[in-house]
């Protein structure tokens, strides 16, 4: 009998991006969350809603344009 009381371990969600300004909406749809705009000051940032990590691509020019690579 499976143990239904223990949720599965979360799968780490990492998105590699080429810009410092990104947004996250939890993939939208009914399971998403409100769109939040994030700024990567160092090398990465974590979405406060869904814990998705946005990691700045080391080989990018680190531009300032809006948008996301996800």
Protein backbone atom coordinates (compact mmCIF):
# COMPACT_ATOMS: atom_id res chain seq x y z
CA UNK A 1 0.00 0.00 0.00
CA UNK A 2 1.56 3.34 -1.03
CA UNK A 3 2.17 6.02 1.55
CA UNK A 4 -0.18 8.79 0.38
CA UNK A 5 0.63 11.10 3.30
CA UNK A 6 4.13 11.99 2.11
CA UNK A 7 4.43 14.30 -0.91
CA UNK A 8 7.14 13.50 -3.46
CA UNK A 9 10.37 15.45 -3.26
CA UNK A 10 10.17 18.64 -5.33
CA UNK A 11 12.03 18.67 -8.63
CA UNK A 12 14.43 21.58 -8.73
CA UNK A 13 13.28 24.00 -11.39
CA UNK A 14 16.19 25.99 -12.82
CA UNK A 15 15.87 28.38 -15.75
CA UNK A 16 19.04 29.63 -17.43
CA UNK A 17 18.61 33.18 -18.72
CA UNK A 18 20.67 35.70 -20.68
CA UNK A 19 19.20 38.87 -19.16
CA UNK A 20 19.22 40.25 -15.64
CA UNK A 21 15.55 41.24 -15.79
CA UNK A 22 13.20 38.26 -15.88
CA UNK A 23 9.63 37.44 -14.95
CA UNK A 24 7.95 34.39 -13.49
CA UNK A 25 4.30 33.37 -13.55
CA UNK A 26 4.71 29.78 -12.38
CA UNK A 27 4.13 28.62 -15.97
CA UNK A 28 0.77 30.42 -16.06
CA UNK A 29 -2.55 28.66 -16.30
CA UNK A 30 -4.62 27.53 -13.32
CA UNK A 31 -1.56 26.28 -11.42
CA UNK A 32 0.49 29.43 -11.96
CA UNK A 33 0.80 32.55 -9.83
CA UNK A 34 0.69 36.31 -10.44
CA UNK A 35 3.46 37.50 -12.76
CA UNK A 36 6.38 38.93 -10.81
CA UNK A 37 9.33 40.76 -12.31
CA UNK A 38 12.71 39.90 -10.85
CA UNK A 39 16.19 41.39 -11.20
CA UNK A 40 19.30 39.22 -10.99
CA UNK A 41 21.85 41.33 -9.12
CA UNK A 42 24.55 38.64 -8.84
CA UNK A 43 24.28 35.22 -10.51
CA UNK A 44 20.79 33.99 -9.66
CA UNK A 45 17.45 34.79 -8.07
CA UNK A 46 14.63 32.66 -6.68
CA UNK A 47 10.94 33.35 -7.34
CA UNK A 48 9.21 34.15 -4.03
CA UNK A 49 6.05 32.32 -5.14
CA UNK A 50 7.19 29.03 -6.67
CA UNK A 51 10.92 28.83 -5.79
CA UNK A 52 11.94 28.57 -9.45
CA UNK A 53 15.60 29.57 -9.76
CA UNK A 54 16.72 31.89 -12.53
CA UNK A 55 20.44 31.55 -13.18
CA UNK A 56 22.33 34.06 -15.30
CA UNK A 57 24.14 32.37 -18.19
CA UNK A 58 27.88 32.88 -17.73
CA UNK A 59 28.48 33.34 -21.46
CA UNK A 60 25.81 35.98 -22.02
CA UNK A 61 26.33 39.68 -22.38
CA UNK A 62 24.19 40.23 -19.25
CA UNK A 63 21.93 42.70 -21.01
CA UNK A 64 19.25 44.78 -19.35
CA UNK A 65 16.31 44.09 -21.69
CA UNK A 66 12.97 42.92 -20.26
CA UNK A 67 11.79 39.40 -20.76
CA UNK A 68 12.55 35.89 -19.76
CA UNK A 69 14.16 32.93 -21.40
CA UNK A 70 11.50 30.51 -20.14
